[in-house]
Amino acid sequence: MENLVLDCYEKISTASTRMLAAASNGDWDALIEAESDCSAIVNRLQVLGENGPLSDDGARRKMQIIRKVLAEDAQIRALTQPWLNTLESLLRGQVSQRRLRDMYV
C-alpha cells in the first residue's frame, strides 16, 4: 500500500511540474489539463487513504514531494496572478461601461 500512496504523490509532483511549465509558457489550456490530472490523482489518493503509517523513508519522500509541490504552487500563483488581475480589470471595466451606458439610456 505504501508504494501505491507514494506513487500517487510522485504523479502529483509530475502534474505540478507540468502545471508550472504551462504557466511559465502562458499555455492556459495545458495548465488546466495538468490541473485536472492533478485533481484526479488527489481524488485517487483520498480513496486509497493512508492505511497505516509510512516507513521513515516513505514519510521523508512524501514530505519532499509535498514541499516541492508547494514551492511550485507558489510559482504558479505568481505567474498566473498578473493574468487574473488583468482579467479582473477588464471585467470591472466592462461592468463600469455598462453602468455608465445604462445611466444615459
C-alpha atoms as a PDB file:
ATOM      1  CA  MET A   1       0.000   0.000   0.000  1.00  0.00           C
ATOM      2  CA  GLU A   2       2.868   2.370   0.767  1.00  0.00           C
ATOM      3  CA  ASN A   3       4.102   2.065  -2.816  1.00  0.00           C
ATOM      4  CA  LEU A   4       0.653   2.990  -4.162  1.00  0.00           C
ATOM      5  CA  VAL A   5       0.459   6.041  -1.902  1.00  0.00           C
ATOM      6  CA  LEU A   6       3.964   7.220  -2.776  1.00  0.00           C
ATOM      7  CA  ASP A   7       3.252   6.598  -6.468  1.00  0.00           C
ATOM      8  CA  CYS A   8       0.262   8.944  -6.216  1.00  0.00           C
ATOM      9  CA  TYR A   9       2.444  11.623  -4.605  1.00  0.00           C
ATOM     10  CA  GLU A  10       5.021  11.179  -7.381  1.00  0.00           C
ATOM     11  CA  LYS A  11       2.289  11.595 -10.003  1.00  0.00           C
ATOM     12  CA  ILE A  12       1.030  14.721  -8.234  1.00  0.00           C
ATOM     13  CA  SER A  13       4.575  16.063  -8.372  1.00  0.00           C
ATOM     14  CA  THR A  14       4.792  15.322 -12.096  1.00  0.00           C
ATOM     15  CA  ALA A  15       1.457  17.054 -12.742  1.00  0.00           C
ATOM     16  CA  SER A  16       2.577  20.022 -10.647  1.00  0.00           C
ATOM     17  CA  THR A  17       5.748  20.338 -12.718  1.00  0.00           C
ATOM     18  CA  ARG A  18       3.634  20.266 -15.887  1.00  0.00           C
ATOM     19  CA  MET A  19       1.395  22.969 -14.424  1.00  0.00           C
ATOM     20  CA  LEU A  20       4.409  25.173 -13.690  1.00  0.00           C
ATOM     21  CA  ALA A  21       5.799  24.674 -17.201  1.00  0.00           C
ATOM     22  CA  ALA A  22       2.413  25.519 -18.728  1.00  0.00           C
ATOM     23  CA  ALA A  23       2.033  28.628 -16.574  1.00  0.00           C
ATOM     24  CA  SER A  24       5.578  29.706 -17.453  1.00  0.00           C
ATOM     25  CA  ASN A  25       4.735  29.392 -21.147  1.00  0.00           C
ATOM     26  CA  GLY A  26       1.340  31.055 -20.802  1.00  0.00           C
ATOM     27  CA  ASP A  27      -0.281  27.872 -22.078  1.00  0.00           C
ATOM     28  CA  TRP A  28      -3.535  28.129 -20.157  1.00  0.00           C
ATOM     29  CA  ASP A  29      -5.119  25.096 -21.834  1.00  0.00           C
ATOM     30  CA  ALA A  30      -2.177  22.899 -20.805  1.00  0.00           C
ATOM     31  CA  LEU A  31      -2.330  24.377 -17.302  1.00  0.00           C
ATOM     32  CA  ILE A  32      -5.999  23.466 -16.993  1.00  0.00           C
ATOM     33  CA  GLU A  33      -5.330  19.964 -18.327  1.00  0.00           C
ATOM     34  CA  ALA A  34      -2.451  19.373 -15.895  1.00  0.00           C
ATOM     35  CA  GLU A  35      -4.542  20.734 -13.013  1.00  0.00           C
ATOM     36  CA  SER A  36      -7.334  18.349 -13.931  1.00  0.00           C
ATOM     37  CA  ASP A  37      -4.865  15.452 -13.968  1.00  0.00           C
ATOM     38  CA  CYS A  38      -3.530  16.526 -10.588  1.00  0.00           C
ATOM     39  CA  SER A  39      -7.038  16.738  -9.160  1.00  0.00           C
ATOM     40  CA  ALA A  40      -7.844  13.220 -10.369  1.00  0.00           C
ATOM     41  CA  ILE A  41      -4.696  11.883  -8.702  1.00  0.00           C
ATOM     42  CA  VAL A  42      -5.556  13.673  -5.446  1.00  0.00           C
ATOM     43  CA  ASN A  43      -9.015  12.080  -5.580  1.00  0.00           C
ATOM     44  CA  ARG A  44      -7.389   8.669  -6.072  1.00  0.00           C
ATOM     45  CA  LEU A  45      -5.119   9.318  -3.115  1.00  0.00           C
ATOM     46  CA  GLN A  46      -8.137  10.182  -0.976  1.00  0.00           C
ATOM     47  CA  VAL A  47      -9.812   6.918  -1.997  1.00  0.00           C
ATOM     48  CA  LEU A  48      -6.675   4.966  -1.112  1.00  0.00           C
ATOM     49  CA  GLY A  49      -6.464   6.722   2.213  1.00  0.00           C
ATOM     50  CA  GLU A  50      -3.483   6.469   4.471  1.00  0.00           C
ATOM     51  CA  ASN A  51      -3.782   2.850   5.569  1.00  0.00           C
ATOM     52  CA  GLY A  52      -1.242   2.858   8.321  1.00  0.00           C
ATOM     53  CA  PRO A  53       1.878   4.955   8.794  1.00  0.00           C
ATOM     54  CA  LEU A  54       4.543   5.176   6.133  1.00  0.00           C
ATOM     55  CA  SER A  55       8.052   3.906   6.730  1.00  0.00           C
ATOM     56  CA  ASP A  56      10.628   6.518   7.704  1.00  0.00           C
ATOM     57  CA  ASP A  57      11.939   6.619   4.126  1.00  0.00           C
ATOM     58  CA  GLY A  58       8.387   6.788   2.764  1.00  0.00           C
ATOM     59  CA  ALA A  59       7.448   9.624   5.120  1.00  0.00           C
ATOM     60  CA  ARG A  60      10.602  11.549   4.152  1.00  0.00           C
ATOM     61  CA  ARG A  61       9.865  11.088   0.458  1.00  0.00           C
ATOM     62  CA  LYS A  62       6.257  12.186   0.955  1.00  0.00           C
ATOM     63  CA  MET A  63       7.419  15.371   2.720  1.00  0.00           C
ATOM     64  CA  GLN A  64       9.979  16.111  -0.023  1.00  0.00           C
ATOM     65  CA  ILE A  65       7.267  15.814  -2.641  1.00  0.00           C
ATOM     66  CA  ILE A  66       4.829  17.972  -0.687  1.00  0.00           C
ATOM     67  CA  ARG A  67       7.460  20.701  -0.231  1.00  0.00           C
ATOM     68  CA  LYS A  68       8.269  20.609  -3.959  1.00  0.00           C
ATOM     69  CA  VAL A  69       4.600  20.798  -4.934  1.00  0.00           C
ATOM     70  CA  LEU A  70       4.003  23.719  -2.545  1.00  0.00           C
ATOM     71  CA  ALA A  71       7.014  25.596  -3.951  1.00  0.00           C
ATOM     72  CA  GLU A  72       5.773  25.025  -7.492  1.00  0.00           C
ATOM     73  CA  ASP A  73       2.280  26.107  -6.471  1.00  0.00           C
ATOM     74  CA  ALA A  74       3.681  29.406  -5.196  1.00  0.00           C
ATOM     75  CA  GLN A  75       5.480  29.917  -8.520  1.00  0.00           C
ATOM     76  CA  ILE A  76       2.328  29.063 -10.463  1.00  0.00           C
ATOM     77  CA  ARG A  77       0.326  31.572  -8.442  1.00  0.00           C
ATOM     78  CA  ALA A  78       2.965  34.255  -9.051  1.00  0.00           C
ATOM     79  CA  LEU A  79       2.791  33.583 -12.790  1.00  0.00           C
ATOM     80  CA  THR A  80      -0.986  33.422 -13.028  1.00  0.00           C
ATOM     81  CA  GLN A  81      -1.784  36.302 -10.671  1.00  0.00           C
ATOM     82  CA  PRO A  82      -0.966  39.069 -13.190  1.00  0.00           C
ATOM     83  CA  TRP A  83      -3.190  37.352 -15.747  1.00  0.00           C
ATOM     84  CA  LEU A  84      -6.004  37.121 -13.208  1.00  0.00           C
ATOM     85  CA  ASN A  85      -5.526  40.774 -12.244  1.00  0.00           C
ATOM     86  CA  THR A  86      -5.726  41.765 -15.914  1.00  0.00           C
ATOM     87  CA  LEU A  87      -8.878  39.715 -16.385  1.00  0.00           C
ATOM     88  CA  GLU A  88     -10.418  41.251 -13.266  1.00  0.00           C
ATOM     89  CA  SER A  89      -9.589  44.746 -14.554  1.00  0.00           C
ATOM     90  CA  LEU A  90     -11.175  44.008 -17.900  1.00  0.00           C
ATOM     91  CA  LEU A  91     -14.305  42.679 -16.265  1.00  0.00           C
ATOM     92  CA  ARG A  92     -14.563  45.653 -13.919  1.00  0.00           C
ATOM     93  CA  GLY A  93     -14.137  47.981 -16.890  1.00  0.00           C
ATOM     94  CA  GLN A  94     -16.944  46.274 -18.778  1.00  0.00           C
ATOM     95  CA  VAL A  95     -19.243  46.488 -15.759  1.00  0.00           C
ATOM     96  CA  SER A  96     -18.418  50.182 -15.337  1.00  0.00           C
ATOM     97  CA  GLN A  97     -19.039  50.856 -19.033  1.00  0.00           C
ATOM     98  CA  ARG A  98     -22.378  49.061 -18.884  1.00  0.00           C
ATOM     99  CA  ARG A  99     -23.445  51.023 -15.787  1.00  0.00           C
ATOM    100  CA  LEU A 100     -22.454  54.288 -17.418  1.00  0.00           C
ATOM    101  CA  ARG A 101     -24.290  53.376 -20.620  1.00  0.00           C
ATOM    102  CA  ASP A 102     -27.374  52.334 -18.643  1.00  0.00           C
ATOM    103  CA  MET A 103     -27.392  55.679 -16.800  1.00  0.00           C
ATOM    104  CA  TYR A 104     -27.659  57.580 -20.093  1.00  0.00           C
ATOM    105  CA  VAL A 105     -30.017  55.279 -21.974  1.00  0.00           C
END
